[in-house]
């Protein structure tokens, strides 16, 4: 099977998340930089310890869900995100990581700048993390 020139074997190809059947009855696939971005989202949204066969997989930020939006909590979140991405996403180099207050008091904004190791292309991702649900807490 011949690959199109824009698919880099190093980055791989995988099933799109969330799983949805396509018009042919199969599952949609993603590849290249979109697969890496999807992988980062999966790492950040998976609480550490929730995967039975790989208990270290995921990110430890979910232990801070009911904490206050303080500078100390944001520093812990930055450390947890950096550790998780360094451990679980070998296709990237983490360039910069900024954790700041979001637009609401319960939102923490995680900004990730990263470089793909395969071609040195730069990307960024913004991940909103909510320490408390609801408004006016």
N, C-alpha and C. Protein backbone atom coordinates (compact mmCIF):
# COMPACT_ATOMS: atom_id res chain seq x y z
N UNK A 1 0.85 -1.18 0.00
CA UNK A 1 0.00 0.00 0.00
C UNK A 1 0.89 1.24 0.00
N UNK A 2 0.64 2.12 -0.88
CA UNK A 2 1.44 3.32 -1.01
C UNK A 2 0.87 4.44 -0.16
N UNK A 3 1.74 5.12 0.59
CA UNK A 3 1.29 6.22 1.44
C UNK A 3 1.40 7.54 0.68
N UNK A 4 0.48 8.44 1.02
CA UNK A 4 0.58 9.76 0.42
C UNK A 4 1.79 10.47 1.02
N UNK A 5 2.38 11.43 0.30
CA UNK A 5 3.61 12.07 0.76
C UNK A 5 3.44 12.86 2.06
N UNK A 6 2.22 13.26 2.44
CA UNK A 6 2.07 14.06 3.64
C UNK A 6 1.99 13.22 4.91
N UNK A 7 1.92 11.90 4.81
CA UNK A 7 1.87 11.03 5.98
C UNK A 7 3.30 10.62 6.33
N UNK A 8 3.72 10.97 7.52
CA UNK A 8 5.05 10.64 7.97
C UNK A 8 4.98 9.35 8.80
N UNK A 9 5.71 8.31 8.39
CA UNK A 9 5.63 7.05 9.11
C UNK A 9 5.99 7.19 10.59
N UNK A 10 6.88 8.09 10.93
CA UNK A 10 7.28 8.27 12.32
C UNK A 10 6.10 8.74 13.17
N UNK A 11 5.24 9.56 12.62
CA UNK A 11 4.10 10.08 13.37
C UNK A 11 2.99 9.06 13.47
N UNK A 12 2.89 8.18 12.52
CA UNK A 12 1.92 7.10 12.58
C UNK A 12 0.55 7.45 12.05
N UNK A 13 -0.34 6.49 12.26
CA UNK A 13 -1.72 6.62 11.82
C UNK A 13 -2.57 5.87 12.82
N UNK A 14 -3.69 6.44 13.19
CA UNK A 14 -4.52 5.78 14.20
C UNK A 14 -5.98 6.16 14.06
N UNK A 15 -6.78 5.54 14.89
CA UNK A 15 -8.22 5.77 14.89
C UNK A 15 -8.53 7.14 15.48
N UNK A 16 -9.43 7.86 14.83
CA UNK A 16 -9.83 9.17 15.32
C UNK A 16 -10.65 9.01 16.60
N UNK A 17 -10.44 9.93 17.52
CA UNK A 17 -11.20 9.94 18.77
C UNK A 17 -11.99 11.24 18.80
N UNK A 18 -13.28 11.24 19.06
CA UNK A 18 -14.10 10.11 19.46
C UNK A 18 -14.37 9.18 18.27
N UNK A 19 -14.59 7.91 18.60
CA UNK A 19 -14.85 6.90 17.56
C UNK A 19 -16.19 7.20 16.90
N UNK A 20 -16.17 7.26 15.58
CA UNK A 20 -17.40 7.47 14.81
C UNK A 20 -17.32 6.65 13.54
N UNK A 21 -18.38 5.97 13.20
CA UNK A 21 -18.35 5.23 11.93
C UNK A 21 -18.38 6.22 10.76
N UNK A 22 -17.64 5.88 9.72
CA UNK A 22 -17.66 6.72 8.53
C UNK A 22 -18.69 6.15 7.55
N UNK A 23 -18.78 6.73 6.39
CA UNK A 23 -19.80 6.34 5.41
C UNK A 23 -19.57 4.94 4.85
N UNK A 24 -18.35 4.41 4.99
CA UNK A 24 -18.04 3.06 4.50
C UNK A 24 -18.26 2.01 5.59
N UNK A 25 -18.68 2.42 6.78
CA UNK A 25 -18.92 1.48 7.86
C UNK A 25 -17.70 1.22 8.73
N UNK A 26 -16.59 1.86 8.40
CA UNK A 26 -15.37 1.70 9.20
C UNK A 26 -15.22 2.89 10.15
N UNK A 27 -14.06 3.00 10.75
CA UNK A 27 -13.76 4.12 11.64
C UNK A 27 -12.84 5.10 10.93
N UNK A 28 -13.04 6.38 11.20
CA UNK A 28 -12.16 7.39 10.63
C UNK A 28 -10.76 7.27 11.21
N UNK A 29 -9.76 7.58 10.39
CA UNK A 29 -8.37 7.53 10.82
C UNK A 29 -7.78 8.93 10.77
N UNK A 30 -6.81 9.18 11.62
CA UNK A 30 -6.04 10.42 11.59
C UNK A 30 -4.58 10.04 11.46
N UNK A 31 -3.80 10.97 10.93
CA UNK A 31 -2.37 10.71 10.77
C UNK A 31 -1.62 12.02 10.85
N UNK A 32 -0.31 11.92 10.91
CA UNK A 32 0.54 13.09 10.93
C UNK A 32 0.36 13.94 12.17
N UNK A 33 0.49 15.25 12.02
CA UNK A 33 0.39 16.17 13.15
C UNK A 33 -0.95 16.08 13.89
N UNK A 34 -2.03 15.77 13.18
CA UNK A 34 -3.34 15.65 13.83
C UNK A 34 -3.35 14.48 14.81
N UNK A 35 -2.65 13.41 14.49
CA UNK A 35 -2.57 12.26 15.39
C UNK A 35 -1.79 12.62 16.65
N UNK A 36 -0.72 13.39 16.51
CA UNK A 36 0.06 13.82 17.66
C UNK A 36 -0.78 14.73 18.56
N UNK A 37 -1.50 15.67 17.96
CA UNK A 37 -2.37 16.56 18.76
C UNK A 37 -3.43 15.75 19.50
N UNK A 38 -4.02 14.79 18.82
CA UNK A 38 -5.02 13.94 19.45
C UNK A 38 -4.39 13.17 20.62
N UNK A 39 -3.18 12.70 20.44
CA UNK A 39 -2.49 11.97 21.49
C UNK A 39 -2.25 12.85 22.72
N UNK A 40 -1.88 14.10 22.50
CA UNK A 40 -1.67 15.03 23.61
C UNK A 40 -2.98 15.22 24.38
N UNK A 41 -4.09 15.41 23.66
CA UNK A 41 -5.40 15.56 24.31
C UNK A 41 -5.74 14.31 25.13
N UNK A 42 -5.45 13.13 24.58
CA UNK A 42 -5.75 11.88 25.30
C UNK A 42 -4.92 11.80 26.58
N UNK A 43 -3.65 12.15 26.50
CA UNK A 43 -2.79 12.13 27.68
C UNK A 43 -3.33 13.08 28.75
N UNK A 44 -3.70 14.30 28.34
CA UNK A 44 -4.16 15.30 29.31
C UNK A 44 -5.53 14.98 29.90
N UNK A 45 -6.39 14.33 29.13
CA UNK A 45 -7.73 14.05 29.63
C UNK A 45 -7.84 12.73 30.39
N UNK A 46 -6.79 11.93 30.38
CA UNK A 46 -6.81 10.65 31.08
C UNK A 46 -6.22 10.82 32.47
N UNK A 47 -7.01 10.59 33.51
CA UNK A 47 -6.45 10.65 34.87
C UNK A 47 -5.44 9.54 35.09
N UNK A 48 -4.31 9.89 35.68
CA UNK A 48 -3.29 8.89 35.97
C UNK A 48 -3.88 7.82 36.88
N UNK A 49 -3.64 6.56 36.53
CA UNK A 49 -4.15 5.45 37.31
C UNK A 49 -5.46 4.89 36.80
N UNK A 50 -6.03 5.48 35.76
CA UNK A 50 -7.33 5.01 35.29
C UNK A 50 -7.24 3.95 34.19
N UNK A 51 -6.06 3.69 33.67
CA UNK A 51 -5.89 2.67 32.65
C UNK A 51 -5.34 1.41 33.34
N UNK A 52 -6.14 0.38 33.33
CA UNK A 52 -5.84 -0.85 34.09
C UNK A 52 -4.47 -1.43 33.79
N UNK A 53 -4.14 -1.61 32.54
CA UNK A 53 -2.89 -2.28 32.19
C UNK A 53 -1.69 -1.33 32.16
N UNK A 54 -1.92 -0.05 32.26
CA UNK A 54 -0.84 0.94 32.25
C UNK A 54 -1.17 2.02 33.28
N UNK A 55 -1.02 1.73 34.57
CA UNK A 55 -1.48 2.66 35.61
C UNK A 55 -0.76 4.00 35.65
N UNK A 56 0.42 4.10 35.06
CA UNK A 56 1.13 5.40 35.04
C UNK A 56 0.68 6.29 33.89
N UNK A 57 -0.08 5.73 32.94
CA UNK A 57 -0.49 6.52 31.78
C UNK A 57 -1.45 7.63 32.20
N UNK A 58 -1.32 8.77 31.55
CA UNK A 58 -2.21 9.89 31.80
C UNK A 58 -1.49 11.04 32.46
N UNK A 59 -2.28 11.93 33.02
CA UNK A 59 -1.75 13.15 33.62
C UNK A 59 -2.33 13.32 35.02
N UNK A 60 -1.52 13.77 35.95
CA UNK A 60 -1.93 13.89 37.34
C UNK A 60 -2.72 15.14 37.67
N UNK A 61 -3.11 15.93 36.68
CA UNK A 61 -3.82 17.18 36.97
C UNK A 61 -5.22 16.95 37.52
N UNK A 62 -5.76 15.78 37.31
CA UNK A 62 -7.14 15.53 37.73
C UNK A 62 -7.29 15.46 39.25
N UNK A 63 -6.19 15.30 39.95
CA UNK A 63 -6.21 15.35 41.40
C UNK A 63 -6.43 16.76 41.93
N UNK A 64 -6.37 17.75 41.04
CA UNK A 64 -6.53 19.15 41.43
C UNK A 64 -7.90 19.72 41.05
N UNK A 65 -8.82 18.87 40.68
CA UNK A 65 -10.12 19.33 40.19
C UNK A 65 -10.84 20.22 41.20
N UNK A 66 -10.75 19.92 42.48
CA UNK A 66 -11.49 20.71 43.47
C UNK A 66 -10.60 21.69 44.23
N UNK A 67 -9.43 21.98 43.69
CA UNK A 67 -8.55 22.96 44.33
C UNK A 67 -8.91 24.37 43.87
N UNK A 68 -8.34 25.34 44.54
CA UNK A 68 -8.55 26.74 44.15
C UNK A 68 -7.65 27.09 42.98
N UNK A 69 -8.04 28.09 42.22
CA UNK A 69 -7.27 28.56 41.08
C UNK A 69 -6.20 29.53 41.60
N UNK A 70 -5.14 28.96 42.17
CA UNK A 70 -4.07 29.76 42.75
C UNK A 70 -2.78 29.56 41.96
N UNK A 71 -1.81 30.41 42.24
CA UNK A 71 -0.51 30.28 41.58
C UNK A 71 0.14 28.95 41.92
N UNK A 72 -0.02 28.49 43.15
CA UNK A 72 0.55 27.20 43.56
C UNK A 72 -0.09 26.05 42.78
N UNK A 73 -1.40 26.07 42.63
CA UNK A 73 -2.09 25.02 41.87
C UNK A 73 -1.65 25.05 40.41
N UNK A 74 -1.51 26.23 39.85
CA UNK A 74 -1.08 26.34 38.45
C UNK A 74 0.35 25.83 38.27
N UNK A 75 1.22 26.04 39.25
CA UNK A 75 2.59 25.53 39.18
C UNK A 75 2.59 24.00 39.22
N UNK A 76 1.76 23.42 40.05
CA UNK A 76 1.65 21.95 40.12
C UNK A 76 1.12 21.41 38.80
N UNK A 77 0.13 22.09 38.22
CA UNK A 77 -0.43 21.67 36.93
C UNK A 77 0.64 21.71 35.85
N UNK A 78 1.45 22.77 35.82
CA UNK A 78 2.52 22.88 34.83
C UNK A 78 3.51 21.72 34.97
N UNK A 79 3.86 21.38 36.19
CA UNK A 79 4.79 20.28 36.43
C UNK A 79 4.17 18.95 35.99
N UNK A 80 2.91 18.73 36.33
CA UNK A 80 2.23 17.47 35.97
C UNK A 80 2.12 17.31 34.45
N UNK A 81 1.77 18.39 33.76
CA UNK A 81 1.63 18.34 32.30
C UNK A 81 2.98 18.08 31.64
N UNK A 82 4.01 18.78 32.09
CA UNK A 82 5.35 18.58 31.52
C UNK A 82 5.82 17.14 31.72
N UNK A 83 5.62 16.60 32.92
CA UNK A 83 6.03 15.22 33.18
C UNK A 83 5.27 14.23 32.31
N UNK A 84 3.96 14.43 32.18
CA UNK A 84 3.14 13.49 31.39
C UNK A 84 3.53 13.52 29.92
N UNK A 85 3.70 14.71 29.36
CA UNK A 85 4.04 14.80 27.94
C UNK A 85 5.44 14.28 27.67
N UNK A 86 6.36 14.53 28.58
CA UNK A 86 7.72 14.03 28.40
C UNK A 86 7.74 12.51 28.46
N UNK A 87 6.95 11.93 29.35
CA UNK A 87 6.94 10.48 29.50
C UNK A 87 6.17 9.77 28.39
N UNK A 88 5.04 10.34 27.93
CA UNK A 88 4.14 9.58 27.07
C UNK A 88 4.09 10.03 25.62
N UNK A 89 4.68 11.15 25.27
CA UNK A 89 4.63 11.57 23.86
C UNK A 89 6.04 11.80 23.35
N UNK A 90 6.65 10.70 22.85
CA UNK A 90 8.04 10.74 22.40
C UNK A 90 8.21 11.41 21.05
N UNK A 91 7.12 11.72 20.36
CA UNK A 91 7.23 12.33 19.03
C UNK A 91 7.41 13.84 19.08
N UNK A 92 7.39 14.41 20.29
CA UNK A 92 7.49 15.87 20.40
C UNK A 92 8.61 16.28 21.34
N UNK A 93 9.07 17.51 21.15
CA UNK A 93 9.91 18.21 22.12
C UNK A 93 9.06 19.33 22.68
N UNK A 94 8.95 19.39 23.98
CA UNK A 94 8.17 20.43 24.64
C UNK A 94 9.00 21.71 24.62
N UNK A 95 8.51 22.73 23.95
CA UNK A 95 9.25 23.98 23.81
C UNK A 95 8.89 24.95 24.94
N UNK A 96 7.61 25.15 25.18
CA UNK A 96 7.18 26.07 26.22
C UNK A 96 5.84 25.59 26.77
N UNK A 97 5.62 25.86 28.04
CA UNK A 97 4.39 25.47 28.71
C UNK A 97 3.99 26.62 29.62
N UNK A 98 2.80 27.18 29.36
CA UNK A 98 2.30 28.30 30.18
C UNK A 98 0.97 27.90 30.78
N UNK A 99 0.84 28.11 32.07
CA UNK A 99 -0.40 27.82 32.77
C UNK A 99 -0.86 29.12 33.41
N UNK A 100 -2.06 29.56 33.05
CA UNK A 100 -2.55 30.86 33.53
C UNK A 100 -4.03 30.77 33.87
N UNK A 101 -4.53 31.82 34.48
CA UNK A 101 -5.96 31.90 34.77
C UNK A 101 -6.72 31.99 33.46
N UNK A 102 -7.87 31.36 33.41
CA UNK A 102 -8.69 31.41 32.21
C UNK A 102 -9.64 32.60 32.25
N UNK A 103 -10.65 32.56 31.42
CA UNK A 103 -11.61 33.65 31.34
C UNK A 103 -12.63 33.60 32.47
N UNK A 104 -12.77 32.45 33.11
CA UNK A 104 -13.67 32.30 34.25
C UNK A 104 -12.85 31.93 35.48
N UNK A 105 -13.34 32.20 36.68
CA UNK A 105 -12.56 31.88 37.89
C UNK A 105 -12.26 30.39 38.05
N UNK A 106 -13.06 29.53 37.43
CA UNK A 106 -12.85 28.09 37.57
C UNK A 106 -11.98 27.50 36.47
N UNK A 107 -11.59 28.31 35.50
CA UNK A 107 -10.82 27.81 34.36
C UNK A 107 -9.34 28.11 34.51
N UNK A 108 -8.54 27.11 34.21
CA UNK A 108 -7.09 27.27 34.11
C UNK A 108 -6.72 26.96 32.66
N UNK A 109 -5.98 27.85 32.05
CA UNK A 109 -5.62 27.73 30.64
C UNK A 109 -4.20 27.17 30.53
N UNK A 110 -4.08 26.04 29.86
CA UNK A 110 -2.78 25.40 29.67
C UNK A 110 -2.39 25.58 28.20
N UNK A 111 -1.32 26.31 27.96
CA UNK A 111 -0.84 26.57 26.60
C UNK A 111 0.46 25.79 26.39
N UNK A 112 0.46 24.96 25.37
CA UNK A 112 1.59 24.08 25.11
C UNK A 112 2.17 24.40 23.74
N UNK A 113 3.45 24.73 23.70
CA UNK A 113 4.17 24.90 22.44
C UNK A 113 5.09 23.70 22.30
N UNK A 114 5.01 23.03 21.17
CA UNK A 114 5.83 21.84 20.97
C UNK A 114 6.32 21.76 19.53
N UNK A 115 7.36 20.96 19.37
CA UNK A 115 7.96 20.75 18.05
C UNK A 115 7.93 19.27 17.73
N UNK A 116 7.52 18.94 16.52
CA UNK A 116 7.57 17.54 16.08
C UNK A 116 9.02 17.17 15.80
N UNK A 117 9.45 16.07 16.36
CA UNK A 117 10.84 15.63 16.17
C UNK A 117 11.11 15.19 14.74
N UNK A 118 10.08 14.74 14.04
CA UNK A 118 10.29 14.19 12.69
C UNK A 118 10.64 15.26 11.66
N UNK A 119 10.10 16.47 11.83
CA UNK A 119 10.35 17.49 10.81
C UNK A 119 10.59 18.89 11.38
N UNK A 120 10.68 19.01 12.71
CA UNK A 120 10.92 20.28 13.41
C UNK A 120 9.82 21.31 13.21
N UNK A 121 8.63 20.89 12.82
CA UNK A 121 7.50 21.82 12.69
C UNK A 121 6.98 22.18 14.08
N UNK A 122 6.67 23.46 14.26
CA UNK A 122 6.17 23.95 15.54
C UNK A 122 4.65 23.95 15.56
N UNK A 123 4.08 23.59 16.70
CA UNK A 123 2.64 23.61 16.89
C UNK A 123 2.34 24.11 18.30
N UNK A 124 1.11 24.53 18.50
CA UNK A 124 0.69 24.87 19.85
C UNK A 124 -0.71 24.34 20.07
N UNK A 125 -1.02 24.15 21.36
CA UNK A 125 -2.30 23.59 21.75
C UNK A 125 -2.73 24.31 23.02
N UNK A 126 -3.99 24.66 23.09
CA UNK A 126 -4.54 25.27 24.30
C UNK A 126 -5.54 24.30 24.90
N UNK A 127 -5.31 23.96 26.15
CA UNK A 127 -6.15 22.98 26.84
C UNK A 127 -6.81 23.68 28.03
N UNK A 128 -8.13 23.81 28.03
CA UNK A 128 -8.80 24.42 29.19
C UNK A 128 -9.02 23.36 30.26
N UNK A 129 -8.63 23.68 31.48
CA UNK A 129 -8.81 22.76 32.61
C UNK A 129 -9.66 23.48 33.66
N UNK A 130 -10.70 22.82 34.11
CA UNK A 130 -11.62 23.43 35.05
C UNK A 130 -11.41 22.83 36.44
N UNK A 131 -11.05 23.69 37.40
CA UNK A 131 -10.80 23.21 38.75
C UNK A 131 -12.09 23.02 39.53
N UNK A 132 -13.13 23.70 39.14
CA UNK A 132 -14.45 23.52 39.76
C UNK A 132 -15.50 23.72 38.68
N UNK A 133 -16.56 22.95 38.77
CA UNK A 133 -17.63 23.11 37.81
C UNK A 133 -18.64 24.11 38.31
N UNK A 134 -19.38 24.69 37.40
CA UNK A 134 -20.42 25.64 37.78
C UNK A 134 -19.91 27.06 37.76
N UNK A 135 -20.78 27.96 38.10
CA UNK A 135 -20.45 29.40 38.11
C UNK A 135 -20.61 29.95 39.51
N UNK A 136 -19.92 31.05 39.76
CA UNK A 136 -20.01 31.79 41.02
C UNK A 136 -19.73 30.90 42.21
N UNK A 137 -18.65 30.13 42.15
CA UNK A 137 -18.30 29.26 43.27
C UNK A 137 -17.36 29.98 44.20
